[in-house]
């Protein structure tokens, strides 16, 4: 009988500990349309949303990332064009 009480007490303590840890974790503020698996936070108001080619279920490869900034409570996408020749910039050569 004492063993059953000890086992139930240990289980109750374990469950309470797990629930407390989960409740204490900080909730991540994701931008709209961004899945948690593709979000790389930089800080509380900035991060990178990774974009994959293919479907969301079976991505084939990473295509690009989008820098996102939170300002006044709303998220804004910052598009960085990887093709500098479109803007007249010259690549740096050594």
C-alpha atoms as a PDB file:
ATOM      1  CA  UNK A   1       0.000   0.000   0.000  1.00  0.00           C
ATOM      2  CA  UNK A   2       2.795   2.439   0.868  1.00  0.00           C
ATOM      3  CA  UNK A   3       4.482   1.611  -2.425  1.00  0.00           C
ATOM      4  CA  UNK A   4       1.332   2.502  -4.407  1.00  0.00           C
ATOM      5  CA  UNK A   5       1.093   5.833  -2.600  1.00  0.00           C
ATOM      6  CA  UNK A   6       4.747   6.538  -3.359  1.00  0.00           C
ATOM      7  CA  UNK A   7       4.287   5.644  -7.040  1.00  0.00           C
ATOM      8  CA  UNK A   8       1.157   7.826  -7.379  1.00  0.00           C
ATOM      9  CA  UNK A   9       2.860  10.674  -5.525  1.00  0.00           C
ATOM     10  CA  UNK A  10       5.882  10.452  -7.827  1.00  0.00           C
ATOM     11  CA  UNK A  11       3.655  10.417 -10.918  1.00  0.00           C
ATOM     12  CA  UNK A  12       1.705  13.441  -9.664  1.00  0.00           C
ATOM     13  CA  UNK A  13       4.955  15.315  -9.000  1.00  0.00           C
ATOM     14  CA  UNK A  14       6.284  14.427 -12.463  1.00  0.00           C
ATOM     15  CA  UNK A  15       3.079  15.557 -14.196  1.00  0.00           C
ATOM     16  CA  UNK A  16       3.032  18.810 -12.205  1.00  0.00           C
ATOM     17  CA  UNK A  17       6.667  19.470 -13.133  1.00  0.00           C
ATOM     18  CA  UNK A  18       6.058  18.861 -16.853  1.00  0.00           C
ATOM     19  CA  UNK A  19       2.951  21.068 -16.913  1.00  0.00           C
ATOM     20  CA  UNK A  20       4.833  23.847 -15.100  1.00  0.00           C
ATOM     21  CA  UNK A  21       7.743  23.697 -17.548  1.00  0.00           C
ATOM     22  CA  UNK A  22       5.416  23.804 -20.552  1.00  0.00           C
ATOM     23  CA  UNK A  23       3.423  26.707 -19.108  1.00  0.00           C
ATOM     24  CA  UNK A  24       6.602  28.661 -18.342  1.00  0.00           C
ATOM     25  CA  UNK A  25       7.939  28.456 -21.890  1.00  0.00           C
ATOM     26  CA  UNK A  26       7.814  31.722 -23.770  1.00  0.00           C
ATOM     27  CA  UNK A  27       5.276  31.779 -26.580  1.00  0.00           C
ATOM     28  CA  UNK A  28       6.851  32.584 -29.939  1.00  0.00           C
ATOM     29  CA  UNK A  29       5.133  35.390 -31.829  1.00  0.00           C
ATOM     30  CA  UNK A  30       5.094  34.094 -35.392  1.00  0.00           C
ATOM     31  CA  UNK A  31       4.345  36.318 -38.367  1.00  0.00           C
ATOM     32  CA  UNK A  32       1.088  35.472 -40.159  1.00  0.00           C
ATOM     33  CA  UNK A  33       1.506  32.599 -42.619  1.00  0.00           C
ATOM     34  CA  UNK A  34       4.839  31.427 -41.193  1.00  0.00           C
ATOM     35  CA  UNK A  35       5.096  27.936 -39.712  1.00  0.00           C
ATOM     36  CA  UNK A  36       7.096  27.438 -36.518  1.00  0.00           C
ATOM     37  CA  UNK A  37       9.343  24.910 -38.301  1.00  0.00           C
ATOM     38  CA  UNK A  38      10.456  27.528 -40.825  1.00  0.00           C
ATOM     39  CA  UNK A  39      10.952  30.463 -38.415  1.00  0.00           C
ATOM     40  CA  UNK A  40      14.422  31.489 -37.229  1.00  0.00           C
ATOM     41  CA  UNK A  41      14.026  34.279 -34.665  1.00  0.00           C
ATOM     42  CA  UNK A  42      16.785  36.868 -34.423  1.00  0.00           C
ATOM     43  CA  UNK A  43      15.166  38.691 -31.517  1.00  0.00           C
ATOM     44  CA  UNK A  44      11.614  39.548 -30.400  1.00  0.00           C
ATOM     45  CA  UNK A  45      11.007  41.867 -33.341  1.00  0.00           C
ATOM     46  CA  UNK A  46      12.977  40.298 -36.188  1.00  0.00           C
ATOM     47  CA  UNK A  47      13.553  36.935 -37.775  1.00  0.00           C
ATOM     48  CA  UNK A  48      13.969  34.980 -40.979  1.00  0.00           C
ATOM     49  CA  UNK A  49      11.186  32.922 -42.549  1.00  0.00           C
ATOM     50  CA  UNK A  50      12.691  30.089 -44.580  1.00  0.00           C
ATOM     51  CA  UNK A  51      10.955  29.286 -47.858  1.00  0.00           C
ATOM     52  CA  UNK A  52      11.225  25.873 -49.449  1.00  0.00           C
ATOM     53  CA  UNK A  53      10.561  24.747 -53.004  1.00  0.00           C
ATOM     54  CA  UNK A  54       7.983  22.009 -53.354  1.00  0.00           C
ATOM     55  CA  UNK A  55       5.031  21.390 -51.085  1.00  0.00           C
ATOM     56  CA  UNK A  56       4.843  22.351 -47.413  1.00  0.00           C
ATOM     57  CA  UNK A  57       4.644  18.670 -46.525  1.00  0.00           C
ATOM     58  CA  UNK A  58       7.540  17.481 -48.709  1.00  0.00           C
ATOM     59  CA  UNK A  59       9.908  20.386 -49.318  1.00  0.00           C
ATOM     60  CA  UNK A  60      12.551  19.587 -51.918  1.00  0.00           C
ATOM     61  CA  UNK A  61      15.085  22.270 -51.075  1.00  0.00           C
ATOM     62  CA  UNK A  62      15.539  25.622 -49.398  1.00  0.00           C
ATOM     63  CA  UNK A  63      14.859  28.297 -51.989  1.00  0.00           C
ATOM     64  CA  UNK A  64      15.310  31.507 -49.970  1.00  0.00           C
ATOM     65  CA  UNK A  65      14.601  33.251 -46.721  1.00  0.00           C
ATOM     66  CA  UNK A  66      12.611  36.385 -46.024  1.00  0.00           C
ATOM     67  CA  UNK A  67      13.708  38.867 -43.388  1.00  0.00           C
ATOM     68  CA  UNK A  68      10.736  39.926 -41.264  1.00  0.00           C
ATOM     69  CA  UNK A  69      10.576  42.918 -38.936  1.00  0.00           C
ATOM     70  CA  UNK A  70       7.895  43.621 -36.329  1.00  0.00           C
ATOM     71  CA  UNK A  71       7.010  47.282 -35.950  1.00  0.00           C
ATOM     72  CA  UNK A  72       4.053  48.726 -34.023  1.00  0.00           C
ATOM     73  CA  UNK A  73       2.665  45.240 -33.451  1.00  0.00           C
ATOM     74  CA  UNK A  74       2.565  44.123 -37.090  1.00  0.00           C
ATOM     75  CA  UNK A  75       5.018  42.104 -39.172  1.00  0.00           C
ATOM     76  CA  UNK A  76       6.564  43.431 -42.376  1.00  0.00           C
ATOM     77  CA  UNK A  77       8.424  41.354 -44.969  1.00  0.00           C
ATOM     78  CA  UNK A  78      11.745  42.775 -46.140  1.00  0.00           C
ATOM     79  CA  UNK A  79      12.612  41.337 -49.537  1.00  0.00           C
ATOM     80  CA  UNK A  80      16.303  41.165 -50.306  1.00  0.00           C
ATOM     81  CA  UNK A  81      16.949  40.698 -54.003  1.00  0.00           C
ATOM     82  CA  UNK A  82      19.849  38.286 -54.570  1.00  0.00           C
ATOM     83  CA  UNK A  83      20.381  39.636 -58.110  1.00  0.00           C
ATOM     84  CA  UNK A  84      22.309  42.924 -57.705  1.00  0.00           C
ATOM     85  CA  UNK A  85      22.603  43.410 -61.482  1.00  0.00           C
ATOM     86  CA  UNK A  86      18.902  44.356 -61.542  1.00  0.00           C
ATOM     87  CA  UNK A  87      19.757  47.464 -59.519  1.00  0.00           C
ATOM     88  CA  UNK A  88      22.989  48.415 -61.223  1.00  0.00           C
ATOM     89  CA  UNK A  89      25.305  47.242 -58.459  1.00  0.00           C
ATOM     90  CA  UNK A  90      28.615  45.712 -59.380  1.00  0.00           C
ATOM     91  CA  UNK A  91      29.767  42.556 -57.613  1.00  0.00           C
ATOM     92  CA  UNK A  92      32.908  42.888 -55.526  1.00  0.00           C
ATOM     93  CA  UNK A  93      35.909  41.218 -57.151  1.00  0.00           C
ATOM     94  CA  UNK A  94      39.370  40.617 -55.810  1.00  0.00           C
END
